[in-house]
Each structure stands twice: as structure tokens, then as C-alpha cells.
């Protein structure tokens, strides 16, 4: 029986009570409640995330195993390296942080995806994460080309942990460029792990792998014990964390901390 959260004071249950692999809904932990910043902070601090469709109550999940990207294991394929190098050299191309968060999350919600009908980023989810973004816990990593938002991703930052939520692309490899920039940010700020929630072939191709829930929670606890990242900005020198030299590109450093 899945617990129902009837009051804001009802705590999420221990993740060990989530439905097990092989059940009807593996990883489902609880249902109900509201997507307030307080509830979201509690959930992510326990390694729990909301995922549901329009017309359903809020459903809270803690899958076992858990898909993650350990930033030291990010797989930068030769083709993507060439794409990023060209992106860095090209005037009008820039990585921006939190420049237009609402557009990013709405694009993640509305961009068609092969094999998916509809979206789990329902309007209530959008508004909840926009509110949490304004409080400084949620960030967007954005790929801009010639003044247009070409792709990006958003996720939650707590302590030295980043929880990736969703990404989108309106141009080839634009979301991959944003993910590579996120990896650089994580390496610069001592964030060792990006939560990817559930396995996909795309994430596995970039170096993602599954961890048992217990190991994920152990690493999460250590990351949450560290101080939060205070500087959410990006400049081209950070590409050095992927071995990409930018000093002679002629491209000025890009910093953007707008809302």
C-alpha cells in the first residue's frame, strides 16, 4: 500500500518502502501532497523526485537502481568534441545560465520526443520549479546560437549535488553542448555526480550508469553535507575541464546570471 500525503506536515516515507523491481510501479514511494519548495527540498534531500501525468495526483519516486552520471566518467565522443570546439570558436554562440529559465522548462515540456506521447512536465510542475528557481535551487544551462535559444537543460542544485531533470534541443547537439557545459561547471565546483533518475540509452552513451539505491543515497548524503555552489555563471575558460583550449579562439568570455 502506497502512503498518501494528506498534510504538508506528513513526511515522505523511508525510501526502503518504495515498490521493488518487478512490481507494477517499481520505485513508487508515495502519492499526494503539493509541489511546494519545502516539499521539493525535503524530497530531493532524500533522493526522491516527483513524476506524474496530467490528471494524476503527485507521485513520488525513489527507483532502485538509480541512473547517474559521475562527472569524471562523462564520455566526450570525438564528434561532440569537434562540435563543441566549433561552437566555442563561432561568434554568436554562447552558454548562458538562468538567462531564461521559464523558456527552458517550457521547451522541455513541449518539445516532441521520439517514442513519447505527452509530457510529465505538467503546468503545475512548471510553476513549482519556476518558484523554486526564484529561490535559487533550480538552474537552467542554455545553449544560445545567434541570439536564439537552441537547446538546454534544467535541474536542481543542493549542496554539491546536481539533479538533472530534463533537456531539449531545437538544433542538432544543442542539448549535448549544454550537458557538456554542465559537466564543466560540476568539475569546477566539486560536484561529482549528476542524478539522471532512470536509465536511457542516450545517457548511457554519454557515460551514465546505474547505482544501487543505497550507494546513490550514500553519495548523496556526502554531497549534501558540502556547502552550496554560490557562483552560477559560465565563461568560456571552463571548457578547459574537457580539455578544450579557448584562449586563442577570439571568443570573449560569456557570463550570464540573469533571471
Protein backbone atom coordinates (compact mmCIF):
# COMPACT_ATOMS: atom_id res chain seq x y z
CA UNK A 1 0.00 0.00 0.00
CA UNK A 2 1.46 3.36 -1.08
CA UNK A 3 1.23 6.05 1.64
CA UNK A 4 -0.88 9.11 0.84
CA UNK A 5 0.44 12.53 1.89
CA UNK A 6 -2.63 14.33 3.24
CA UNK A 7 -0.97 17.20 5.07
CA UNK A 8 2.09 19.38 4.45
CA UNK A 9 3.31 18.03 7.80
CA UNK A 10 3.25 14.42 6.57
CA UNK A 11 6.85 13.36 5.98
CA UNK A 12 7.81 11.29 2.99
CA UNK A 13 8.31 7.66 4.00
CA UNK A 14 11.68 5.96 4.10
CA UNK A 15 12.86 5.14 0.57
CA UNK A 16 13.15 1.48 1.51
CA UNK A 17 9.34 1.34 1.34
CA UNK A 18 9.30 2.14 -2.41
CA UNK A 19 7.80 -0.56 -4.61
CA UNK A 20 10.52 -3.04 -5.60
CA UNK A 21 11.83 -4.01 -9.05
CA UNK A 22 9.38 -6.30 -10.81
CA UNK A 23 6.34 -4.69 -9.22
CA UNK A 24 3.64 -2.78 -11.09
CA UNK A 25 5.35 0.58 -10.48
CA UNK A 26 8.98 -0.01 -9.43
CA UNK A 27 10.29 2.85 -7.31
CA UNK A 28 6.92 4.41 -6.46
CA UNK A 29 7.13 5.63 -2.88
CA UNK A 30 4.13 7.82 -2.09
CA UNK A 31 1.31 9.87 -3.59
CA UNK A 32 -0.38 13.18 -2.88
CA UNK A 33 0.78 16.41 -1.36
CA UNK A 34 1.72 19.65 -3.09
CA UNK A 35 4.75 20.78 -5.04
CA UNK A 36 5.86 23.48 -2.63
CA UNK A 37 9.54 24.44 -2.40
CA UNK A 38 9.56 23.00 1.12
CA UNK A 39 8.21 19.62 -0.03
CA UNK A 40 10.54 19.54 -3.02
CA UNK A 41 13.56 20.33 -0.83
CA UNK A 42 12.57 17.51 1.53
CA UNK A 43 12.13 15.10 -1.36
CA UNK A 44 15.36 15.83 -3.19
CA UNK A 45 17.27 15.78 0.07
CA UNK A 46 16.13 12.17 0.42
CA UNK A 47 16.78 11.29 -3.21
CA UNK A 48 13.07 11.35 -4.07
CA UNK A 49 11.55 13.14 -7.06
CA UNK A 50 8.01 13.82 -8.39
CA UNK A 51 6.89 12.29 -11.69
CA UNK A 52 3.30 12.08 -12.83
CA UNK A 53 0.96 12.90 -15.70
CA UNK A 54 -1.91 15.34 -16.12
CA UNK A 55 -4.95 14.16 -14.15
CA UNK A 56 -2.90 12.13 -11.65
CA UNK A 57 -2.01 13.08 -8.09
CA UNK A 58 1.60 13.96 -7.39
CA UNK A 59 3.57 10.70 -7.42
CA UNK A 60 6.89 10.45 -5.57
CA UNK A 61 9.62 8.06 -6.75
CA UNK A 62 12.84 6.50 -5.50
CA UNK A 63 13.93 3.90 -8.08
CA UNK A 64 16.45 1.17 -7.43
CA UNK A 65 18.86 1.17 -9.20
CA UNK A 66 19.36 4.88 -9.90
CA UNK A 67 20.79 6.26 -13.13
CA UNK A 68 23.59 8.79 -12.58
CA UNK A 69 26.36 10.47 -14.48
CA UNK A 70 29.58 10.58 -12.48
CA UNK A 71 31.17 13.68 -13.94
CA UNK A 72 34.63 12.10 -14.14
CA UNK A 73 33.11 9.40 -16.34
CA UNK A 74 31.47 11.74 -18.85
CA UNK A 75 32.17 10.34 -22.30
CA UNK A 76 33.09 13.10 -24.73
CA UNK A 77 32.99 11.45 -28.13
CA UNK A 78 35.20 12.78 -30.88
CA UNK A 79 32.24 14.08 -32.89
CA UNK A 80 30.86 16.01 -29.90
CA UNK A 81 34.31 17.38 -29.09
CA UNK A 82 34.53 18.76 -32.63
CA UNK A 83 31.02 20.21 -32.34
CA UNK A 84 31.86 21.97 -29.06
CA UNK A 85 35.18 23.26 -30.41
CA UNK A 86 33.33 24.75 -33.39
CA UNK A 87 30.66 26.18 -31.08
CA UNK A 88 33.30 27.87 -28.90
CA UNK A 89 35.07 29.39 -31.93
CA UNK A 90 31.92 30.74 -33.56
CA UNK A 91 30.79 34.29 -32.78
CA UNK A 92 27.19 34.39 -31.60
CA UNK A 93 27.42 31.05 -29.80
CA UNK A 94 27.28 31.11 -26.01
CA UNK A 95 26.41 29.12 -22.91
CA UNK A 96 24.15 31.07 -20.55
CA UNK A 97 23.00 30.16 -17.07
CA UNK A 98 19.48 31.06 -15.85
CA UNK A 99 19.03 33.59 -18.65
CA UNK A 100 15.50 32.43 -19.47
CA UNK A 101 14.59 29.62 -17.10
CA UNK A 102 10.87 29.61 -17.88
CA UNK A 103 11.51 29.23 -21.61
CA UNK A 104 13.83 26.31 -20.93
CA UNK A 105 11.41 24.36 -18.76
CA UNK A 106 8.52 25.08 -21.13
CA UNK A 107 10.62 23.92 -24.07
CA UNK A 108 11.44 20.73 -22.15
CA UNK A 109 7.70 20.24 -21.62
CA UNK A 110 6.61 20.89 -25.20
CA UNK A 111 9.41 19.68 -27.48
CA UNK A 112 8.26 16.42 -29.16
CA UNK A 113 10.29 13.33 -28.26
CA UNK A 114 10.53 10.15 -30.24
CA UNK A 115 8.57 7.34 -28.58
CA UNK A 116 6.84 9.63 -26.06
CA UNK A 117 3.24 10.76 -26.12
CA UNK A 118 2.66 13.75 -23.88
CA UNK A 119 4.81 15.04 -21.05
CA UNK A 120 5.30 14.61 -17.32
CA UNK A 121 6.26 18.30 -17.03
CA UNK A 122 2.66 19.34 -16.46
CA UNK A 123 1.70 23.02 -15.85
CA UNK A 124 1.72 22.59 -12.06
CA UNK A 125 5.24 21.16 -12.33
CA UNK A 126 6.39 24.09 -14.44
CA UNK A 127 5.08 26.65 -11.94
CA UNK A 128 6.54 24.76 -8.96
CA UNK A 129 10.04 24.66 -10.42
CA UNK A 130 9.82 28.29 -11.56
CA UNK A 131 9.04 29.24 -7.94
CA UNK A 132 11.92 27.10 -6.68
CA UNK A 133 14.21 28.60 -9.31
CA UNK A 134 13.44 32.08 -7.95
CA UNK A 135 14.62 30.85 -4.56
CA UNK A 136 17.93 29.80 -6.10
CA UNK A 137 17.69 26.00 -6.02
CA UNK A 138 16.91 25.29 -9.69
CA UNK A 139 19.04 26.29 -12.67
CA UNK A 140 18.96 26.20 -16.44
CA UNK A 141 22.01 25.59 -18.64
CA UNK A 142 21.28 27.13 -22.03
CA UNK A 143 22.81 26.86 -25.49
CA UNK A 144 22.36 30.09 -27.46
CA UNK A 145 23.14 30.45 -31.18
CA UNK A 146 22.79 33.79 -32.97
CA UNK A 147 20.51 35.16 -30.27
CA UNK A 148 18.21 32.13 -30.27
CA UNK A 149 17.73 29.54 -27.53
CA UNK A 150 18.81 26.41 -29.38
CA UNK A 151 18.72 23.88 -26.54
CA UNK A 152 19.35 23.36 -22.88
CA UNK A 153 18.52 21.58 -19.67
CA UNK A 154 17.38 22.34 -16.15
CA UNK A 155 17.91 20.74 -12.79
CA UNK A 156 18.11 21.11 -9.03
CA UNK A 157 21.26 22.05 -7.11
CA UNK A 158 21.54 21.15 -3.42
CA UNK A 159 24.90 21.17 -1.66
CA UNK A 160 27.41 19.73 -4.13
CA UNK A 161 24.78 17.67 -5.93
CA UNK A 162 23.01 18.33 -9.21
CA UNK A 163 19.77 16.57 -10.09
CA UNK A 164 19.21 16.68 -13.84
CA UNK A 165 15.53 16.98 -14.71
CA UNK A 166 15.05 17.35 -18.46
CA UNK A 167 16.69 18.65 -21.62
CA UNK A 168 15.60 19.74 -25.08
CA UNK A 169 17.14 20.52 -28.44
CA UNK A 170 15.94 22.71 -31.30
CA UNK A 171 19.24 22.30 -33.15
CA UNK A 172 21.45 19.27 -33.56
CA UNK A 173 23.51 18.53 -30.43
CA UNK A 174 22.38 21.72 -28.64
CA UNK A 175 21.30 19.76 -25.53
CA UNK A 176 24.54 17.76 -25.57
CA UNK A 177 26.53 21.01 -25.63
CA UNK A 178 24.54 22.19 -22.59
CA UNK A 179 25.21 18.90 -20.79
CA UNK A 180 28.93 19.17 -21.55
CA UNK A 181 28.88 22.71 -20.13
CA UNK A 182 27.14 21.38 -17.01
CA UNK A 183 29.88 18.77 -16.61
CA UNK A 184 32.46 21.57 -16.78
CA UNK A 185 30.56 23.55 -14.13
CA UNK A 186 30.36 20.48 -11.91
CA UNK A 187 34.07 19.78 -12.22
CA UNK A 188 34.87 23.42 -11.46
CA UNK A 189 32.74 23.40 -8.30
CA UNK A 190 33.45 19.93 -6.94
CA UNK A 191 30.13 18.35 -7.89
CA UNK A 192 30.91 14.71 -8.51
CA UNK A 193 27.54 13.30 -9.53
CA UNK A 194 24.57 14.30 -11.68
CA UNK A 195 21.36 12.44 -10.93
CA UNK A 196 19.65 11.21 -14.10
CA UNK A 197 16.83 9.34 -12.32
CA UNK A 198 16.15 6.49 -14.77
CA UNK A 199 18.19 4.72 -17.41
CA UNK A 200 18.11 5.72 -21.06
CA UNK A 201 20.35 4.60 -23.89
CA UNK A 202 21.22 8.23 -24.62
CA UNK A 203 22.59 8.83 -21.11
CA UNK A 204 24.43 5.52 -21.13
CA UNK A 205 26.16 6.54 -24.37
CA UNK A 206 27.47 9.65 -22.60
CA UNK A 207 28.87 7.67 -19.67
CA UNK A 208 25.85 7.39 -17.39
CA UNK A 209 25.41 4.24 -15.34
CA UNK A 210 23.21 2.78 -12.65
CA UNK A 211 23.98 2.72 -8.94
CA UNK A 212 22.15 0.71 -6.28
CA UNK A 213 19.84 2.98 -4.29
CA UNK A 214 21.91 2.53 -1.13
CA UNK A 215 25.09 3.65 -2.88
CA UNK A 216 23.29 6.59 -4.51
CA UNK A 217 21.97 7.72 -1.13
CA UNK A 218 25.42 7.35 0.47
CA UNK A 219 26.96 9.60 -2.16
CA UNK A 220 24.02 11.99 -1.94
CA UNK A 221 24.46 12.35 1.82
CA UNK A 222 28.11 13.29 1.37
CA UNK A 223 27.26 15.82 -1.35
CA UNK A 224 24.53 17.44 0.72
CA UNK A 225 26.97 17.88 3.59
CA UNK A 226 29.10 20.22 1.48
CA UNK A 227 28.36 23.90 1.05
CA UNK A 228 26.18 25.04 -1.87
CA UNK A 229 27.60 26.44 -5.09
CA UNK A 230 27.41 30.22 -4.83
CA UNK A 231 28.55 31.19 -8.33
CA UNK A 232 26.21 30.07 -11.09
CA UNK A 233 27.87 31.71 -14.08
CA UNK A 234 29.68 30.38 -17.11
CA UNK A 235 32.62 31.65 -19.10
CA UNK A 236 34.47 30.04 -21.97
CA UNK A 237 37.53 29.24 -19.84
CA UNK A 238 35.52 26.48 -18.15
CA UNK A 239 35.75 24.38 -21.31
CA UNK A 240 39.26 23.54 -20.12
CA UNK A 241 37.65 20.94 -17.87
CA UNK A 242 37.01 18.93 -21.02
CA UNK A 243 40.48 19.59 -22.38
CA UNK A 244 39.26 22.24 -24.81
CA UNK A 245 41.57 25.23 -25.16
CA UNK A 246 39.74 28.52 -25.58
CA UNK A 247 42.42 31.16 -25.01
CA UNK A 248 43.18 31.64 -28.70
CA UNK A 249 39.64 31.43 -30.09
CA UNK A 250 38.99 35.12 -30.14
CA UNK A 251 35.67 34.42 -28.42
CA UNK A 252 35.10 36.65 -25.38
CA UNK A 253 34.20 35.06 -22.05
CA UNK A 254 30.46 34.74 -21.53
CA UNK A 255 28.91 35.35 -18.15
CA UNK A 256 25.20 35.47 -17.58
CA UNK A 257 23.39 35.32 -14.27
CA UNK A 258 20.17 36.92 -15.39
CA UNK A 259 16.79 35.64 -14.35
